[in-house]
Structure formats: C-alpha cells, structure tokens
Amino acid sequence: MMKFAGYSLAVSFSPIGSNVFATSFRFPVVGCIYRGNLESSRLFSASCWREQLNGKNGVVAKQYLPPWFSVAPMMDWTDNHYRTLARLISKHAWLYTEMIAAETIVHQEDNLFVAEAMSAIAANTNVPVSVKCRIGVDDHDSYDELCDFIYNVSSFSATKHFIIHSRKALLNGISPAENRSIPPLKYEYFYGLLRDFPDLKFTINGGIASIVEVNAAREAGAHGVMIGRAAYNNPWHILGHVDTAIYGVPSSGLTRRQVLKKYQVYGDSVLGKYGHRPTVRDIVKPLLNLFHSAPGNGLWKRKADAAFRSCTTIESFFEETLVAIPDSVLDSPAAEEPPPGRGDLFANIDSLLPPPYKTREEEIVLCA
C-alpha cells in the first residue's frame, strides 16, 4: 500500500492454494487509489472487485474465495516475510502489501499524476481496485459526508468495493498510534452504508480482534472483515482459524513445527539476497508472536534476542531457540474452536443506524 497527501494505493495478495516454495511468488493483486478529503474525491480505477469475483478473469473466479477475511496493510509489518508466514498458516485469508510513504508525490501536490498512473495500470492489467478509507477526517465526520464520498467515487468510477475503517482520522495533534484508539469507533456508519448502498460491497475494519468478532460482523451483514494488528500479534490463533471458521474448508492440520520447517526453507533462501538484507532478524521478526500466550513463549523471546547476535542462518536460529518451546506446543495443530471474543459486538447495531442517506439529486426532487 502506498500513501501520500490524501491518497492511498493498496495492493492485495490474493489467496493461493499451492505451496509457496514451489512457486515464484506470482500472486494476483488488488489495488486502490483514493482521495482522503470527504468534501471532494477523485478516483481512477482499472476494474472492480465484483468483476474479479464474478470472473472477468476466469482463473480468479475459479481459484479464489471472496475476501471475507483480510489482513490490513501495515507499514513495516505486512512485508513479504509476514505474508509468507501468513500464507503458510491460512490458504484463504486475503493479504495486503505494507503501506509505503511516497514523498515524491507529497512534494508535487499541485502536479499529481494519479490519473496517468491508474490509466497505465488499467491499460496493462486486469487488476481490480478498491478504496480503503476512514469514516471522516477532522471535522468532516458526518454520516452524510461519508455517503457523499462513497456516492461520488462509486458513480464516477468502476469501484464497487470499499474497506471502511470505522474511526475518523485526526490529522493534527495526535500520533498514528493514538489515531487507532482515540477517535471513537462508529460501526453504525458502516452498517448504514450497507443499507444505503445495496449495490456496493463493504468490508469493515477497526477494533475487531478475534475470529468470533469477525463472524459476528459478517452475521450482521458485513461483506468482509479486515483485521490489523491482532493478526500480527497473534497469528496462530487468528490466522489458524480463518480457513475453517470463516471459509468452512477443512483444516490443513499443520503444526507450528511444520510451519516453521517450511518457513525455514523460505528464510534461508532469501537471507542476504540483497547484500546485507534481509538479515536473520528481518526474517524472524514475524515469528516472534507465533507462540503468543503459549508455554515457553517468554524464554523463546529471550533466546531469540541472544541468537540474533550469533546466528547466521534461519536453521541455526531455530536450533538455538526452539528448545524453549515444549513439544506439545510445537506438534499440536490449531485448536478446533477459536479463542473467545465479543460475539455480541454488533447485536444492537440496527437501533443505532443514522438516518437514511439522500443524494443531492434526491433532495432537490423532494424539495420540488
């Protein structure tokens, strides 16, 4: 995902069914460019999610399940190493590349080349695009302003899929971390969009941290759910249940030991591929939460800190550190039932919905 001066470009890695080491990492992608100001929007797109799922490209329609569950694009987190680990654990979760700041574009605010960029993409690929946005920005946070944005983008482009972070963004005075917690969640805005734009697809994002809550959101009507840091901080207990609890397919039955063996092959194959990078630490970083809350987790992390200073391969790193984890943890597949969560998170959402949205054209007709 690329972010700059009110715009975002996101690229999503669709699910794959084959072993990641038997391929050259050639995955279909999903991207988006949007303007973050809710007062006016410009969006250029090459295709849309509905076309992808209905089979504009027949291969996609046959191979990929819908994005009922996706992992959010996160700067410095959802890199290729994390996505490799995530794909080993879940074959059907939708994965996004990390967000990258594009400073060159920031400094050319009066001379953007967004239309040309998207035209080039459209001319050379069948890549679908989607929009990911917050429900508002600073004081532009009314439900009608959000609806104006959705209406304009969907009316003047082929975009039919919107990923809605259910908090507004405060651009001045607070940090990015605080922007993930201080603005209140307004799930009622998201479910209002489902009611007022029945021809569009909407994925909900923000504050959802368990498989139980994912299913609760979908039962309340969400077409898809995007999870961020919870999927990074607890990959085994989140991603390990996606295929079975969300997509209803049989479990792979892989244990953490088996996942690590496959990841070791990947890790040692890319270690130092670009001079001094990636390092052992770079490649191991996504693994540090693999044993979240499991016996031996604390000792494993302490051994990892020491091993980073001496180990030169992923194989040697595992030899030094995995002795901290009991065999019963390493050799057990994901539990049959996902960990508990707030199953009633959206129970009363219908009673909280904002008044129905009317376009300006509709308001003019009513006034006449």
Protein backbone atom coordinates (compact mmCIF):
# COMPACT_ATOMS: atom_id res chain seq x y z
CA MET A 1 0.00 0.00 0.00
CA MET A 2 1.32 3.45 -0.90
CA LYS A 3 0.07 6.52 0.97
CA PHE A 4 0.65 10.15 0.13
CA ALA A 5 -1.01 13.54 0.62
CA GLY A 6 -4.56 12.29 0.99
CA TYR A 7 -4.29 9.40 -1.45
CA SER A 8 -3.68 5.70 -0.91
CA LEU A 9 -2.58 2.92 -3.25
CA ALA A 10 -3.09 -0.56 -1.86
CA VAL A 11 -2.05 -3.89 -3.33
CA SER A 12 -3.55 -7.12 -2.05
CA PHE A 13 -2.13 -10.62 -2.31
CA SER A 14 -4.97 -12.99 -3.08
CA PRO A 15 -5.06 -16.45 -1.52
CA ILE A 16 -3.13 -19.28 -3.10
CA GLY A 17 -3.62 -22.99 -2.73
CA SER A 18 -0.17 -24.22 -3.66
CA ASN A 19 2.98 -24.49 -1.59
CA VAL A 20 4.70 -21.11 -1.52
CA PHE A 21 8.09 -22.68 -2.14
CA ALA A 22 7.00 -24.37 -5.35
CA THR A 23 6.09 -21.05 -6.98
CA SER A 24 7.85 -17.86 -7.90
CA PHE A 25 5.57 -15.77 -5.66
CA ARG A 26 3.44 -14.57 -8.56
CA PHE A 27 0.11 -13.62 -6.98
CA PRO A 28 -2.87 -11.67 -8.34
CA VAL A 29 -3.18 -8.22 -6.80
CA VAL A 30 -5.91 -5.81 -5.77
CA GLY A 31 -5.14 -2.09 -5.59
CA CYS A 32 -6.80 1.23 -4.89
CA ILE A 33 -6.20 4.94 -5.20
CA TYR A 34 -8.47 7.40 -3.40
CA ARG A 35 -8.51 10.95 -2.14
CA GLY A 36 -8.97 11.15 1.61
CA ASN A 37 -10.81 14.51 1.72
CA LEU A 38 -14.51 13.76 2.10
CA GLU A 39 -15.53 17.07 0.52
CA SER A 40 -14.28 16.07 -2.90
CA SER A 41 -12.93 12.89 -4.37
CA ARG A 42 -11.02 11.75 -7.42
CA LEU A 43 -10.62 8.07 -8.06
CA PHE A 44 -9.34 6.28 -11.09
CA SER A 45 -9.76 2.52 -11.34
CA ALA A 46 -8.95 -0.30 -13.67
CA SER A 47 -11.62 -2.77 -12.63
CA CYS A 48 -13.71 -3.70 -9.61
CA TRP A 49 -13.99 -6.39 -7.00
CA ARG A 50 -17.30 -7.66 -8.30
CA GLU A 51 -15.76 -8.29 -11.71
CA GLN A 52 -12.98 -10.20 -10.02
CA LEU A 53 -15.32 -12.44 -8.07
CA ASN A 54 -17.73 -12.95 -10.97
CA GLY A 55 -14.91 -13.99 -13.22
CA LYS A 56 -13.83 -11.21 -15.57
CA ASN A 57 -10.63 -13.18 -15.35
CA GLY A 58 -11.89 -16.76 -15.34
CA VAL A 59 -8.88 -18.05 -13.42
CA VAL A 60 -9.63 -15.76 -10.49
CA ALA A 61 -13.27 -16.80 -10.28
CA LYS A 62 -12.33 -20.48 -10.13
CA GLN A 63 -9.45 -20.28 -7.66
CA TYR A 64 -10.16 -17.57 -5.09
CA LEU A 65 -12.80 -17.31 -2.44
CA PRO A 66 -14.25 -13.86 -1.61
CA PRO A 67 -12.36 -11.52 0.78
CA TRP A 68 -14.49 -12.42 3.78
CA PHE A 69 -11.32 -12.07 5.87
CA SER A 70 -8.31 -9.91 5.11
CA VAL A 71 -5.22 -8.62 6.91
CA ALA A 72 -4.78 -4.86 6.78
CA PRO A 73 -1.82 -3.19 5.02
CA MET A 74 0.56 -2.11 7.81
CA MET A 75 3.77 -0.16 7.33
CA ASP A 76 6.88 -2.16 8.34
CA TRP A 77 4.70 -5.10 9.37
CA THR A 78 2.96 -6.81 6.44
CA ASP A 79 6.16 -7.27 4.47
CA ASN A 80 6.97 -10.30 2.35
CA HIS A 81 8.22 -12.25 5.38
CA TYR A 82 4.98 -11.80 7.31
CA ARG A 83 2.87 -12.58 4.25
CA THR A 84 4.84 -15.77 3.69
CA LEU A 85 4.17 -16.86 7.27
CA ALA A 86 0.51 -15.87 7.00
CA ARG A 87 0.05 -17.84 3.78
CA LEU A 88 1.57 -20.93 5.37
CA ILE A 89 -0.99 -20.71 8.19
CA SER A 90 -4.03 -19.72 6.10
CA LYS A 91 -4.61 -20.51 2.44
CA HIS A 92 -7.68 -18.27 2.08
CA ALA A 93 -7.02 -15.06 4.04
CA TRP A 94 -6.53 -12.04 1.78
CA LEU A 95 -3.17 -10.35 2.40
CA TYR A 96 -2.13 -6.78 1.65
CA THR A 97 1.32 -5.42 1.00
CA GLU A 98 2.64 -2.94 3.54
CA MET A 99 1.97 0.77 3.19
CA ILE A 100 4.83 2.80 1.73
CA ALA A 101 5.14 6.59 2.01
CA ALA A 102 5.72 8.20 -1.38
CA GLU A 103 7.41 11.51 -0.53
CA THR A 104 7.98 12.41 -4.16
CA ILE A 105 4.25 12.63 -4.70
CA VAL A 106 3.76 14.61 -1.49
CA HIS A 107 6.06 17.32 -2.81
CA GLN A 108 4.19 17.51 -6.12
CA GLU A 109 0.75 18.15 -4.65
CA ASP A 110 -0.11 20.65 -7.38
CA ASN A 111 1.13 18.41 -10.19
CA LEU A 112 -0.11 14.87 -9.36
CA PHE A 113 -0.02 12.16 -11.94
CA VAL A 114 -2.64 9.92 -10.40
CA ALA A 115 -4.87 9.65 -13.46
CA GLU A 116 -1.92 8.78 -15.70
CA ALA A 117 -0.70 6.19 -13.21
CA MET A 118 -4.06 4.46 -12.99
CA SER A 119 -4.56 4.68 -16.73
CA ALA A 120 -1.25 2.87 -17.19
CA ILE A 121 -2.34 0.16 -14.76
CA ALA A 122 -5.70 -0.20 -16.49
CA ALA A 123 -4.03 -0.42 -19.89
CA ASN A 124 -1.66 -3.20 -18.90
CA THR A 125 -3.53 -5.37 -16.37
CA ASN A 126 -6.93 -6.65 -15.33
CA VAL A 127 -6.20 -5.74 -11.71
CA PRO A 128 -9.31 -4.82 -9.68
CA VAL A 129 -9.18 -1.80 -7.39
CA SER A 130 -10.84 -0.98 -4.11
CA VAL A 131 -10.96 2.01 -1.77
CA LYS A 132 -9.89 1.89 1.88
CA CYS A 133 -10.84 4.94 3.90
CA ARG A 134 -11.79 6.17 7.34
CA ILE A 135 -15.31 7.39 8.12
CA GLY A 136 -14.16 11.00 8.24
CA VAL A 137 -11.32 13.47 8.64
CA ASP A 138 -11.12 16.01 11.47
CA ASP A 139 -14.39 17.99 11.43
CA HIS A 140 -15.58 16.37 8.21
CA ASP A 141 -17.06 13.43 10.06
CA SER A 142 -20.82 13.41 9.45
CA TYR A 143 -22.52 10.36 8.00
CA ASP A 144 -23.78 12.39 5.04
CA GLU A 145 -20.24 13.49 4.16
CA LEU A 146 -19.09 9.89 4.20
CA CYS A 147 -22.02 8.93 1.98
CA ASP A 148 -21.23 11.79 -0.42
CA PHE A 149 -17.72 10.36 -0.78
CA ILE A 150 -18.95 6.81 -1.40
CA TYR A 151 -21.61 8.03 -3.83
CA ASN A 152 -19.18 10.16 -5.86
CA VAL A 153 -16.47 7.52 -6.07
CA SER A 154 -18.84 4.69 -7.00
CA SER A 155 -20.73 6.88 -9.51
CA PHE A 156 -17.69 8.16 -11.41
CA SER A 157 -15.51 5.05 -11.38
CA ALA A 158 -15.78 1.29 -11.61
CA THR A 159 -15.04 0.90 -7.89
CA LYS A 160 -17.66 -1.20 -6.13
CA HIS A 161 -15.73 -2.38 -3.06
CA PHE A 162 -14.96 -0.12 -0.09
CA ILE A 163 -12.97 -1.03 3.01
CA ILE A 164 -14.19 1.18 5.84
CA HIS A 165 -12.07 1.87 8.92
CA SER A 166 -14.79 2.73 11.43
CA ARG A 167 -12.89 5.60 13.06
CA LYS A 168 -12.30 9.08 11.71
CA ALA A 169 -8.76 10.38 11.26
CA LEU A 170 -7.44 13.28 13.31
CA LEU A 171 -4.67 14.78 11.21
CA ASN A 172 -3.27 17.24 13.73
CA GLY A 173 -2.13 16.82 17.31
CA ILE A 174 -2.10 13.05 17.82
CA SER A 175 0.18 10.23 16.74
CA PRO A 176 -0.67 7.41 14.31
CA ALA A 177 -0.92 5.05 17.30
CA GLU A 178 -3.35 7.40 19.03
CA ASN A 179 -5.37 7.62 15.81
CA ARG A 180 -6.02 3.91 16.22
CA SER A 181 -7.58 4.33 19.65
CA ILE A 182 -8.67 7.91 20.46
CA PRO A 183 -11.29 8.55 17.73
CA PRO A 184 -14.35 6.51 18.73
CA LEU A 185 -15.48 3.56 16.67
CA LYS A 186 -18.74 4.22 14.84
CA TYR A 187 -19.81 0.87 13.49
CA GLU A 188 -23.26 2.33 12.88
CA TYR A 189 -21.79 4.33 9.98
CA PHE A 190 -20.53 1.15 8.35
CA TYR A 191 -23.85 -0.65 8.66
CA GLY A 192 -25.62 2.47 7.44
CA LEU A 193 -23.58 2.21 4.25
CA LEU A 194 -24.75 -1.37 3.79
CA ARG A 195 -28.34 -0.16 4.00
CA ASP A 196 -27.95 2.92 1.79
CA PHE A 197 -25.69 1.43 -0.92
CA PRO A 198 -27.06 -2.10 -1.50
CA ASP A 199 -25.29 -2.44 -4.86
CA LEU A 200 -21.82 -1.97 -3.36
CA LYS A 201 -19.56 -4.28 -1.33
CA PHE A 202 -18.23 -3.16 2.05
CA THR A 203 -15.51 -4.58 4.30
CA ILE A 204 -15.41 -3.45 7.93
CA ASN A 205 -12.14 -2.56 9.69
CA GLY A 206 -11.22 -1.26 13.13
CA GLY A 207 -11.42 -2.70 16.64
CA ILE A 208 -12.19 -6.28 15.61
CA ALA A 209 -9.69 -8.62 17.23
CA SER A 210 -10.95 -12.21 17.15
CA ILE A 211 -12.46 -14.79 14.83
CA VAL A 212 -15.65 -14.73 16.91
CA GLU A 213 -15.96 -10.98 16.26
CA VAL A 214 -15.25 -11.47 12.55
CA ASN A 215 -18.15 -13.89 12.28
CA ALA A 216 -20.36 -11.59 14.36
CA ALA A 217 -19.66 -8.72 11.92
CA ARG A 218 -20.46 -10.91 8.93
CA GLU A 219 -23.64 -12.24 10.55
CA ALA A 220 -24.73 -8.61 11.00
CA GLY A 221 -24.32 -8.11 7.24
CA ALA A 222 -20.69 -7.15 6.54
CA HIS A 223 -19.47 -8.50 3.21
CA GLY A 224 -15.95 -8.81 4.59
CA VAL A 225 -13.82 -8.07 7.66
CA MET A 226 -10.28 -6.69 7.77
CA ILE A 227 -8.11 -7.22 10.85
CA GLY A 228 -4.85 -5.40 11.52
CA ARG A 229 -2.54 -5.77 14.49
CA ALA A 230 -4.42 -8.67 16.07
CA ALA A 231 -3.46 -10.82 13.08
CA TYR A 232 0.18 -9.79 13.50
CA ASN A 233 0.38 -10.03 17.28
CA ASN A 234 -1.36 -13.40 17.47
CA PRO A 235 -1.02 -15.08 14.06
CA TRP A 236 -1.55 -18.68 15.16
CA HIS A 237 -4.83 -18.10 16.98
CA ILE A 238 -6.21 -15.68 14.36
CA LEU A 239 -4.97 -16.96 11.01
CA GLY A 240 -5.03 -20.56 12.20
CA HIS A 241 -8.86 -20.45 12.30
CA VAL A 242 -9.60 -18.41 9.18
CA ASP A 243 -9.92 -21.30 6.73
CA THR A 244 -12.15 -23.43 8.95
CA ALA A 245 -14.22 -20.94 10.96
CA ILE A 246 -14.74 -18.33 8.22
CA TYR A 247 -14.40 -20.14 4.89
CA GLY A 248 -15.69 -23.50 6.08
CA VAL A 249 -12.95 -25.57 4.49
CA PRO A 250 -11.09 -28.43 6.20
CA SER A 251 -8.09 -27.58 8.33
CA SER A 252 -4.65 -28.19 6.85
CA GLY A 253 -3.71 -29.82 10.15
CA LEU A 254 -0.29 -28.20 10.07
CA THR A 255 1.51 -27.81 13.38
CA ARG A 256 3.74 -24.90 14.30
CA ARG A 257 6.78 -27.15 13.88
CA GLN A 258 5.72 -27.95 10.32
CA VAL A 259 5.04 -24.29 9.55
CA LEU A 260 8.50 -23.35 10.86
CA LYS A 261 10.18 -26.03 8.73
CA LYS A 262 8.57 -24.59 5.61
CA TYR A 263 9.37 -21.05 6.71
CA GLN A 264 13.00 -22.04 7.29
CA VAL A 265 13.31 -23.11 3.65
CA TYR A 266 11.96 -19.74 2.58
CA GLY A 267 14.04 -17.78 5.09
CA ASP A 268 17.38 -19.31 4.24
CA SER A 269 16.65 -18.94 0.51
CA VAL A 270 16.22 -15.15 0.78
CA LEU A 271 18.73 -14.43 3.58
CA GLY A 272 21.18 -11.77 2.36
CA LYS A 273 19.63 -11.78 -1.08
CA TYR A 274 20.04 -8.01 -1.39
CA GLY A 275 23.52 -7.57 0.00
CA HIS A 276 23.28 -7.38 3.77
CA ARG A 277 19.47 -7.60 3.76
CA PRO A 278 17.31 -9.27 4.71
CA THR A 279 19.03 -10.23 7.92
CA VAL A 280 18.15 -13.09 10.26
CA ARG A 281 16.37 -10.54 12.45
CA ASP A 282 14.34 -9.23 9.48
CA ILE A 283 13.17 -12.70 8.52
CA VAL A 284 12.45 -13.88 12.06
CA LYS A 285 10.54 -10.74 13.11
CA PRO A 286 7.07 -12.04 12.08
CA LEU A 287 7.69 -15.28 14.03
CA LEU A 288 8.18 -13.62 17.40
CA ASN A 289 4.44 -13.73 18.13
CA LEU A 290 3.87 -17.26 16.83
CA PHE A 291 3.81 -18.66 20.38
CA HIS A 292 1.65 -15.90 21.84
CA SER A 293 0.40 -16.97 25.32
CA ALA A 294 1.86 -20.49 24.88
CA PRO A 295 4.16 -22.17 27.43
CA GLY A 296 7.79 -21.24 26.78
CA ASN A 297 6.95 -18.01 24.92
CA GLY A 298 8.90 -15.74 27.27
CA LEU A 299 12.02 -17.95 27.22
CA TRP A 300 11.77 -18.28 23.43
CA LYS A 301 11.91 -14.49 23.04
CA ARG A 302 14.87 -14.17 25.39
CA LYS A 303 16.74 -16.86 23.47
CA ALA A 304 15.83 -15.10 20.23
CA ASP A 305 17.44 -11.86 21.45
CA ALA A 306 20.68 -13.73 22.12
CA ALA A 307 20.53 -15.72 18.88
CA PHE A 308 20.23 -12.59 16.76
CA ARG A 309 23.78 -11.70 17.80
CA SER A 310 25.34 -15.00 16.76
CA CYS A 311 23.22 -16.97 14.29
CA THR A 312 23.90 -16.58 10.58
CA THR A 313 21.12 -18.81 9.18
CA ILE A 314 17.46 -19.38 9.98
CA GLU A 315 18.24 -23.05 10.59
CA SER A 316 20.82 -22.23 13.25
CA PHE A 317 18.45 -19.69 14.80
CA PHE A 318 15.80 -22.37 15.25
CA GLU A 319 18.36 -24.81 16.67
CA GLU A 320 19.29 -22.23 19.30
CA THR A 321 15.79 -21.09 20.25
CA LEU A 322 13.13 -23.75 19.75
CA VAL A 323 14.40 -25.76 22.72
CA ALA A 324 12.42 -23.23 24.78
CA ILE A 325 9.09 -24.42 23.36
CA PRO A 326 7.58 -27.71 24.62
CA ASP A 327 6.99 -30.43 22.01
CA SER A 328 3.31 -30.41 22.95
CA VAL A 329 3.09 -26.83 21.67
CA LEU A 330 5.23 -27.36 18.56
CA ASP A 331 3.41 -30.51 17.46
CA SER A 332 -0.22 -29.51 18.04
CA PRO A 333 -2.36 -28.11 15.22
CA ALA A 334 -4.61 -25.10 15.86
CA ALA A 335 -7.37 -25.85 18.34
CA GLU A 336 -10.71 -26.92 16.89
CA GLU A 337 -12.51 -23.89 18.34
CA PRO A 338 -11.20 -20.32 18.01
CA PRO A 339 -10.44 -18.34 21.19
CA PRO A 340 -13.38 -16.46 22.75
CA GLY A 341 -14.36 -12.99 21.62
CA ARG A 342 -17.19 -10.48 21.79
CA GLY A 343 -19.90 -12.35 19.94
CA ASP A 344 -22.47 -9.68 20.77
CA LEU A 345 -20.37 -6.79 19.44
CA PHE A 346 -22.94 -5.90 16.77
CA ALA A 347 -26.08 -7.23 18.48
CA ASN A 348 -27.90 -3.87 18.68
CA ILE A 349 -26.45 -2.20 15.63
CA ASP A 350 -29.80 -1.79 13.84
CA SER A 351 -31.08 0.51 16.58
CA LEU A 352 -28.03 2.79 16.21
CA LEU A 353 -28.08 3.42 12.46
CA PRO A 354 -28.02 7.05 11.26
CA PRO A 355 -30.96 8.40 9.23
CA PRO A 356 -31.04 7.11 5.64
CA TYR A 357 -28.84 8.98 3.18
CA LYS A 358 -30.36 11.01 0.37
CA THR A 359 -28.27 12.19 -2.55
CA ARG A 360 -28.40 15.85 -3.50
CA GLU A 361 -30.42 14.93 -6.58
CA GLU A 362 -32.98 13.18 -4.40
CA GLU A 363 -33.15 16.17 -2.05
CA ILE A 364 -33.79 18.52 -4.99
CA VAL A 365 -36.63 16.32 -6.23
CA LEU A 366 -38.17 16.18 -2.76
CA CYS A 367 -37.95 19.95 -2.38
CA ALA A 368 -39.57 20.48 -5.77
